[in-house]
């Protein structure tokens, strides 16, 4: 009886020590946050293309205006 009592106490202590993971109480992990392994090129191409288009369309406004002044109109022909 005494031997089984010690075995029971030892097995419960062993389960209590090894039963919990170390990060069990880590509440600062965001499961919705992407990691480096989750990000693939097909997911980032839309953001890259949008950024590039935004830079191209707004970055050369002075040149667009200057070319608009010097371009020929479609309503008459030079000749």
PDB file of N, CA and C in Angstrom:
ATOM      1  N   UNK A   1       0.823  -1.198   0.000  1.00  0.00           N
ATOM      2  CA  UNK A   1       0.000   0.000   0.000  1.00  0.00           C
ATOM      3  C   UNK A   1       0.864   1.258   0.000  1.00  0.00           C
ATOM      4  N   UNK A   2       1.906   1.237   0.821  1.00  0.00           N
ATOM      5  CA  UNK A   2       2.796   2.373   0.927  1.00  0.00           C
ATOM      6  C   UNK A   2       3.577   2.583  -0.375  1.00  0.00           C
ATOM      7  N   UNK A   3       3.957   1.456  -1.008  1.00  0.00           N
ATOM      8  CA  UNK A   3       4.698   1.535  -2.258  1.00  0.00           C
ATOM      9  C   UNK A   3       3.827   2.126  -3.376  1.00  0.00           C
ATOM     10  N   UNK A   4       2.582   1.730  -3.466  1.00  0.00           N
ATOM     11  CA  UNK A   4       1.691   2.261  -4.506  1.00  0.00           C
ATOM     12  C   UNK A   4       1.374   3.740  -4.257  1.00  0.00           C
ATOM     13  N   UNK A   5       1.346   4.124  -3.004  1.00  0.00           N
ATOM     14  CA  UNK A   5       1.103   5.531  -2.672  1.00  0.00           C
ATOM     15  C   UNK A   5       2.266   6.393  -3.175  1.00  0.00           C
ATOM     16  N   UNK A   6       3.504   5.933  -2.960  1.00  0.00           N
ATOM     17  CA  UNK A   6       4.671   6.679  -3.423  1.00  0.00           C
ATOM     18  C   UNK A   6       4.753   6.693  -4.949  1.00  0.00           C
ATOM     19  N   UNK A   7       4.394   5.604  -5.577  1.00  0.00           N
ATOM     20  CA  UNK A   7       4.394   5.553  -7.047  1.00  0.00           C
ATOM     21  C   UNK A   7       3.345   6.508  -7.605  1.00  0.00           C
ATOM     22  N   UNK A   8       2.193   6.561  -6.981  1.00  0.00           N
ATOM     23  CA  UNK A   8       1.128   7.463  -7.423  1.00  0.00           C
ATOM     24  C   UNK A   8       1.539   8.928  -7.257  1.00  0.00           C
ATOM     25  N   UNK A   9       2.144   9.255  -6.137  1.00  0.00           N
ATOM     26  CA  UNK A   9       2.606  10.634  -5.891  1.00  0.00           C
ATOM     27  C   UNK A   9       3.719  10.998  -6.870  1.00  0.00           C
ATOM     28  N   UNK A  10       4.640  10.085  -7.115  1.00  0.00           N
ATOM     29  CA  UNK A  10       5.745  10.341  -8.040  1.00  0.00           C
ATOM     30  C   UNK A  10       5.236  10.518  -9.472  1.00  0.00           C
ATOM     31  N   UNK A  11       4.294   9.711  -9.876  1.00  0.00           N
ATOM     32  CA  UNK A  11       3.769   9.839 -11.245  1.00  0.00           C
ATOM     33  C   UNK A  11       2.972  11.134 -11.406  1.00  0.00           C
ATOM     34  N   UNK A  12       2.233  11.557 -10.398  1.00  0.00           N
ATOM     35  CA  UNK A  12       1.505  12.831 -10.469  1.00  0.00           C
ATOM     36  C   UNK A  12       2.474  14.009 -10.515  1.00  0.00           C
ATOM     37  N   UNK A  13       3.541  13.936  -9.733  1.00  0.00           N
ATOM     38  CA  UNK A  13       4.541  15.001  -9.752  1.00  0.00           C
ATOM     39  C   UNK A  13       5.226  15.058 -11.113  1.00  0.00           C
ATOM     40  N   UNK A  14       5.540  13.919 -11.676  1.00  0.00           N
ATOM     41  CA  UNK A  14       6.164  13.873 -12.993  1.00  0.00           C
ATOM     42  C   UNK A  14       5.238  14.445 -14.068  1.00  0.00           C
ATOM     43  N   UNK A  15       3.958  14.126 -14.003  1.00  0.00           N
ATOM     44  CA  UNK A  15       3.001  14.673 -14.969  1.00  0.00           C
ATOM     45  C   UNK A  15       2.817  16.174 -14.781  1.00  0.00           C
ATOM     46  N   UNK A  16       2.845  16.653 -13.563  1.00  0.00           N
ATOM     47  CA  UNK A  16       2.693  18.088 -13.305  1.00  0.00           C
ATOM     48  C   UNK A  16       3.894  18.868 -13.816  1.00  0.00           C
ATOM     49  N   UNK A  17       5.074  18.294 -13.691  1.00  0.00           N
ATOM     50  CA  UNK A  17       6.287  18.984 -14.134  1.00  0.00           C
ATOM     51  C   UNK A  17       6.391  18.990 -15.655  1.00  0.00           C
ATOM     52  N   UNK A  18       6.117  17.884 -16.303  1.00  0.00           N
ATOM     53  CA  UNK A  18       6.308  17.770 -17.750  1.00  0.00           C
ATOM     54  C   UNK A  18       5.024  17.959 -18.543  1.00  0.00           C
ATOM     55  N   UNK A  19       3.908  18.136 -17.903  1.00  0.00           N
ATOM     56  CA  UNK A  19       2.636  18.190 -18.611  1.00  0.00           C
ATOM     57  C   UNK A  19       2.338  19.507 -19.307  1.00  0.00           C
ATOM     58  N   UNK A  20       2.883  20.605 -18.844  1.00  0.00           N
ATOM     59  CA  UNK A  20       2.583  21.913 -19.415  1.00  0.00           C
ATOM     60  C   UNK A  20       3.692  22.362 -20.349  1.00  0.00           C
ATOM     61  N   UNK A  21       3.271  22.992 -21.441  1.00  0.00           N
ATOM     62  CA  UNK A  21       4.251  23.583 -22.337  1.00  0.00           C
ATOM     63  C   UNK A  21       4.759  24.881 -21.737  1.00  0.00           C
ATOM     64  N   UNK A  22       5.911  25.293 -22.164  1.00  0.00           N
ATOM     65  CA  UNK A  22       6.512  26.497 -21.611  1.00  0.00           C
ATOM     66  C   UNK A  22       5.745  27.754 -22.043  1.00  0.00           C
ATOM     67  N   UNK A  23       5.202  27.754 -23.249  1.00  0.00           N
ATOM     68  CA  UNK A  23       4.493  28.929 -23.746  1.00  0.00           C
ATOM     69  C   UNK A  23       2.975  28.822 -23.538  1.00  0.00           C
ATOM     70  N   UNK A  24       2.564  28.051 -22.575  1.00  0.00           N
ATOM     71  CA  UNK A  24       1.135  27.879 -22.319  1.00  0.00           C
ATOM     72  C   UNK A  24       0.474  29.191 -21.913  1.00  0.00           C
ATOM     73  N   UNK A  25       1.134  29.985 -21.098  1.00  0.00           N
ATOM     74  CA  UNK A  25       0.554  31.235 -20.628  1.00  0.00           C
ATOM     75  C   UNK A  25       1.025  32.446 -21.430  1.00  0.00           C
ATOM     76  N   UNK A  26       1.640  32.231 -22.562  1.00  0.00           N
ATOM     77  CA  UNK A  26       2.114  33.329 -23.392  1.00  0.00           C
ATOM     78  C   UNK A  26       0.934  33.880 -24.185  1.00  0.00           C
ATOM     79  N   UNK A  27       0.361  34.979 -23.712  1.00  0.00           N
ATOM     80  CA  UNK A  27      -0.822  35.547 -24.357  1.00  0.00           C
ATOM     81  C   UNK A  27      -0.456  36.632 -25.358  1.00  0.00           C
ATOM     82  N   UNK A  28       0.831  36.886 -25.557  1.00  0.00           N
ATOM     83  CA  UNK A  28       1.253  37.952 -26.447  1.00  0.00           C
ATOM     84  C   UNK A  28       1.459  37.486 -27.882  1.00  0.00           C
ATOM     85  N   UNK A  29       1.113  36.267 -28.209  1.00  0.00           N
ATOM     86  CA  UNK A  29       1.207  35.776 -29.576  1.00  0.00           C
ATOM     87  C   UNK A  29      -0.080  36.096 -30.325  1.00  0.00           C
ATOM     88  N   UNK A  30       0.067  36.631 -31.517  1.00  0.00           N
ATOM     89  CA  UNK A  30      -1.080  36.931 -32.358  1.00  0.00           C
ATOM     90  C   UNK A  30      -1.198  35.841 -33.413  1.00  0.00           C
ATOM     91  N   UNK A  31      -2.225  35.018 -33.367  1.00  0.00           N
ATOM     92  CA  UNK A  31      -2.336  33.939 -34.352  1.00  0.00           C
ATOM     93  C   UNK A  31      -2.678  34.447 -35.748  1.00  0.00           C
ATOM     94  N   UNK A  32      -3.142  35.679 -35.862  1.00  0.00           N
ATOM     95  CA  UNK A  32      -3.505  36.222 -37.170  1.00  0.00           C
ATOM     96  C   UNK A  32      -2.354  36.952 -37.850  1.00  0.00           C
ATOM     97  N   UNK A  33      -1.235  37.106 -37.178  1.00  0.00           N
ATOM     98  CA  UNK A  33      -0.100  37.820 -37.739  1.00  0.00           C
ATOM     99  C   UNK A  33       0.686  36.900 -38.672  1.00  0.00           C
ATOM    100  N   UNK A  34       1.019  37.430 -39.841  1.00  0.00           N
ATOM    101  CA  UNK A  34       1.772  36.639 -40.809  1.00  0.00           C
ATOM    102  C   UNK A  34       3.238  36.570 -40.407  1.00  0.00           C
ATOM    103  N   UNK A  35       3.832  35.430 -40.661  1.00  0.00           N
ATOM    104  CA  UNK A  35       5.262  35.261 -40.412  1.00  0.00           C
ATOM    105  C   UNK A  35       5.987  35.189 -41.748  1.00  0.00           C
ATOM    106  N   UNK A  36       7.294  35.136 -41.705  1.00  0.00           N
ATOM    107  CA  UNK A  36       8.076  35.098 -42.932  1.00  0.00           C
ATOM    108  C   UNK A  36       7.798  33.865 -43.776  1.00  0.00           C
ATOM    109  N   UNK A  37       7.472  32.761 -43.149  1.00  0.00           N
ATOM    110  CA  UNK A  37       7.203  31.533 -43.889  1.00  0.00           C
ATOM    111  C   UNK A  37       5.836  31.574 -44.579  1.00  0.00           C
ATOM    112  N   UNK A  38       4.909  32.382 -44.063  1.00  0.00           N
ATOM    113  CA  UNK A  38       3.574  32.447 -44.636  1.00  0.00           C
ATOM    114  C   UNK A  38       3.488  33.375 -45.841  1.00  0.00           C
ATOM    115  N   UNK A  39       4.424  34.289 -45.976  1.00  0.00           N
ATOM    116  CA  UNK A  39       4.357  35.289 -47.036  1.00  0.00           C
ATOM    117  C   UNK A  39       5.007  34.732 -48.298  1.00  0.00           C
ATOM    118  N   UNK A  40       4.239  34.657 -49.362  1.00  0.00           N
ATOM    119  CA  UNK A  40       4.730  34.166 -50.645  1.00  0.00           C
ATOM    120  C   UNK A  40       4.630  35.282 -51.681  1.00  0.00           C
ATOM    121  N   UNK A  41       5.354  35.189 -52.797  1.00  0.00           N
ATOM    122  CA  UNK A  41       5.315  36.253 -53.807  1.00  0.00           C
ATOM    123  C   UNK A  41       3.927  36.520 -54.382  1.00  0.00           C
ATOM    124  N   UNK A  42       3.116  35.493 -54.511  1.00  0.00           N
ATOM    125  CA  UNK A  42       1.784  35.734 -55.081  1.00  0.00           C
ATOM    126  C   UNK A  42       0.885  36.528 -54.135  1.00  0.00           C
ATOM    127  N   UNK A  43       1.201  36.571 -52.854  1.00  0.00           N
ATOM    128  CA  UNK A  43       0.423  37.375 -51.916  1.00  0.00           C
ATOM    129  C   UNK A  43       0.895  38.818 -51.865  1.00  0.00           C
ATOM    130  N   UNK A  44       2.144  39.066 -52.211  1.00  0.00           N
ATOM    131  CA  UNK A  44       2.691  40.418 -52.104  1.00  0.00           C
ATOM    132  C   UNK A  44       2.700  41.171 -53.422  1.00  0.00           C
ATOM    133  N   UNK A  45       2.425  40.516 -54.541  1.00  0.00           N
ATOM    134  CA  UNK A  45       2.524  41.177 -55.844  1.00  0.00           C
ATOM    135  C   UNK A  45       1.490  42.292 -55.999  1.00  0.00           C
ATOM    136  N   UNK A  46       0.312  42.143 -55.433  1.00  0.00           N
ATOM    137  CA  UNK A  46      -0.689  43.187 -55.584  1.00  0.00           C
ATOM    138  C   UNK A  46      -0.283  44.456 -54.854  1.00  0.00           C
ATOM    139  N   UNK A  47       0.274  44.323 -53.665  1.00  0.00           N
ATOM    140  CA  UNK A  47       0.733  45.502 -52.931  1.00  0.00           C
ATOM    141  C   UNK A  47       1.893  46.171 -53.646  1.00  0.00           C
ATOM    142  N   UNK A  48       2.784  45.387 -54.219  1.00  0.00           N
ATOM    143  CA  UNK A  48       3.923  45.943 -54.940  1.00  0.00           C
ATOM    144  C   UNK A  48       3.474  46.665 -56.198  1.00  0.00           C
ATOM    145  N   UNK A  49       2.529  46.096 -56.915  1.00  0.00           N
ATOM    146  CA  UNK A  49       2.042  46.738 -58.145  1.00  0.00           C
ATOM    147  C   UNK A  49       1.271  48.016 -57.829  1.00  0.00           C
ATOM    148  N   UNK A  50       0.507  48.014 -56.762  1.00  0.00           N
ATOM    149  CA  UNK A  50      -0.226  49.212 -56.364  1.00  0.00           C
ATOM    150  C   UNK A  50       0.735  50.319 -55.971  1.00  0.00           C
ATOM    151  N   UNK A  51       1.765  49.981 -55.236  1.00  0.00           N
ATOM    152  CA  UNK A  51       2.755  50.970 -54.832  1.00  0.00           C
ATOM    153  C   UNK A  51       3.493  51.542 -56.036  1.00  0.00           C
ATOM    154  N   UNK A  52       3.863  50.695 -56.973  1.00  0.00           N
ATOM    155  CA  UNK A  52       4.553  51.155 -58.171  1.00  0.00           C
ATOM    156  C   UNK A  52       3.653  52.045 -59.015  1.00  0.00           C
ATOM    157  N   UNK A  53       2.414  51.670 -59.194  1.00  0.00           N
ATOM    158  CA  UNK A  53       1.483  52.481 -59.979  1.00  0.00           C
ATOM    159  C   UNK A  53       1.234  53.825 -59.309  1.00  0.00           C
ATOM    160  N   UNK A  54       1.165  53.845 -58.011  1.00  0.00           N
ATOM    161  CA  UNK A  54       0.964  55.098 -57.288  1.00  0.00           C
ATOM    162  C   UNK A  54       2.158  56.027 -57.475  1.00  0.00           C
ATOM    163  N   UNK A  55       3.364  55.467 -57.413  1.00  0.00           N
ATOM    164  CA  UNK A  55       4.555  56.295 -57.609  1.00  0.00           C
ATOM    165  C   UNK A  55       4.644  56.829 -59.026  1.00  0.00           C
ATOM    166  N   UNK A  56       4.325  55.998 -59.999  1.00  0.00           N
ATOM    167  CA  UNK A  56       4.424  56.423 -61.393  1.00  0.00           C
ATOM    168  C   UNK A  56       3.367  57.472 -61.718  1.00  0.00           C
ATOM    169  N   UNK A  57       2.170  57.318 -61.212  1.00  0.00           N
ATOM    170  CA  UNK A  57       1.106  58.243 -61.575  1.00  0.00           C
ATOM    171  C   UNK A  57       1.199  59.575 -60.845  1.00  0.00           C
ATOM    172  N   UNK A  58       1.790  59.602 -59.675  1.00  0.00           N
ATOM    173  CA  UNK A  58       1.858  60.867 -58.934  1.00  0.00           C
ATOM    174  C   UNK A  58       3.247  61.463 -58.893  1.00  0.00           C
ATOM    175  N   UNK A  59       4.269  60.696 -59.196  1.00  0.00           N
ATOM    176  CA  UNK A  59       5.631  61.176 -59.061  1.00  0.00           C
ATOM    177  C   UNK A  59       6.078  62.106 -60.179  1.00  0.00           C
ATOM    178  N   UNK A  60       5.440  62.046 -61.318  1.00  0.00           N
ATOM    179  CA  UNK A  60       5.866  62.832 -62.471  1.00  0.00           C
ATOM    180  C   UNK A  60       4.794  63.828 -62.899  1.00  0.00           C
ATOM    181  N   UNK A  61       4.140  64.441 -61.951  1.00  0.00           N
ATOM    182  CA  UNK A  61       3.059  65.378 -62.288  1.00  0.00           C
ATOM    183  C   UNK A  61       3.591  66.581 -63.059  1.00  0.00           C
ATOM    184  N   UNK A  62       4.762  67.076 -62.699  1.00  0.00           N
ATOM    185  CA  UNK A  62       5.338  68.221 -63.411  1.00  0.00           C
ATOM    186  C   UNK A  62       5.610  67.855 -64.867  1.00  0.00           C
ATOM    187  N   UNK A  63       6.083  66.654 -65.122  1.00  0.00           N
ATOM    188  CA  UNK A  63       6.380  66.218 -66.482  1.00  0.00           C
ATOM    189  C   UNK A  63       5.086  66.008 -67.271  1.00  0.00           C
ATOM    190  N   UNK A  64       4.064  65.490 -66.614  1.00  0.00           N
ATOM    191  CA  UNK A  64       2.780  65.299 -67.292  1.00  0.00           C
ATOM    192  C   UNK A  64       2.199  66.637 -67.725  1.00  0.00           C
ATOM    193  N   UNK A  65       2.295  67.633 -66.873  1.00  0.00           N
ATOM    194  CA  UNK A  65       1.785  68.960 -67.248  1.00  0.00           C
ATOM    195  C   UNK A  65       2.596  69.559 -68.389  1.00  0.00           C
ATOM    196  N   UNK A  66       3.903  69.439 -68.335  1.00  0.00           N
ATOM    197  CA  UNK A  66       4.758  70.002 -69.365  1.00  0.00           C
ATOM    198  C   UNK A  66       4.498  69.318 -70.703  1.00  0.00           C
ATOM    199  N   UNK A  67       4.362  67.995 -70.693  1.00  0.00           N
ATOM    200  CA  UNK A  67       4.078  67.263 -71.934  1.00  0.00           C
ATOM    201  C   UNK A  67       2.687  67.585 -72.437  1.00  0.00           C
ATOM    202  N   UNK A  68       1.759  67.875 -71.565  1.00  0.00           N
ATOM    203  CA  UNK A  68       0.419  68.254 -71.998  1.00  0.00           C
ATOM    204  C   UNK A  68       0.411  69.590 -72.721  1.00  0.00           C
ATOM    205  N   UNK A  69       1.266  70.534 -72.316  1.00  0.00           N
ATOM    206  CA  UNK A  69       1.351  71.828 -72.996  1.00  0.00           C
ATOM    207  C   UNK A  69       1.991  71.698 -74.374  1.00  0.00           C
ATOM    208  N   UNK A  70       2.932  70.779 -74.529  1.00  0.00           N
ATOM    209  CA  UNK A  70       3.660  70.666 -75.775  1.00  0.00           C
ATOM    210  C   UNK A  70       3.096  69.616 -76.714  1.00  0.00           C
ATOM    211  N   UNK A  71       2.088  68.885 -76.296  1.00  0.00           N
ATOM    212  CA  UNK A  71       1.542  67.865 -77.179  1.00  0.00           C
ATOM    213  C   UNK A  71       0.559  68.477 -78.166  1.00  0.00           C
ATOM    214  N   UNK A  72       0.423  67.817 -79.275  1.00  0.00           N
ATOM    215  CA  UNK A  72      -0.490  68.317 -80.325  1.00  0.00           C
ATOM    216  C   UNK A  72      -1.927  67.939 -79.983  1.00  0.00           C
ATOM    217  N   UNK A  73      -2.833  68.766 -80.371  1.00  0.00           N
ATOM    218  CA  UNK A  73      -4.249  68.520 -80.135  1.00  0.00           C
ATOM    219  C   UNK A  73      -4.768  67.535 -81.172  1.00  0.00           C
ATOM    220  N   UNK A  74      -5.794  66.830 -80.835  1.00  0.00           N
ATOM    221  CA  UNK A  74      -6.386  65.893 -81.788  1.00  0.00           C
ATOM    222  C   UNK A  74      -7.409  66.530 -82.693  1.00  0.00           C
ATOM    223  N   UNK A  75      -7.699  67.825 -82.519  1.00  0.00           N
ATOM    224  CA  UNK A  75      -8.773  68.444 -83.289  1.00  0.00           C
ATOM    225  C   UNK A  75      -8.268  69.137 -84.547  1.00  0.00           C
ATOM    226  N   UNK A  76      -6.973  69.236 -84.760  1.00  0.00           N
ATOM    227  CA  UNK A  76      -6.474  69.838 -86.006  1.00  0.00           C
ATOM    228  C   UNK A  76      -5.210  69.117 -86.443  1.00  0.00           C
ATOM    229  N   UNK A  77      -4.875  69.305 -87.693  1.00  0.00           N
ATOM    230  CA  UNK A  77      -3.693  68.661 -88.251  1.00  0.00           C
ATOM    231  C   UNK A  77      -2.701  69.729 -88.658  1.00  0.00           C
ATOM    232  N   UNK A  78      -1.441  69.443 -88.399  1.00  0.00           N
ATOM    233  CA  UNK A  78      -0.390  70.362 -88.833  1.00  0.00           C
ATOM    234  C   UNK A  78      -0.139  70.126 -90.317  1.00  0.00           C
ATOM    235  N   UNK A  79       0.036  71.164 -91.003  1.00  0.00           N
ATOM    236  CA  UNK A  79       0.279  70.826 -92.367  1.00  0.00           C
ATOM    237  C   UNK A  79       0.545  71.893 -93.247  1.00  0.00           C
TER     238      UNK A  79
END
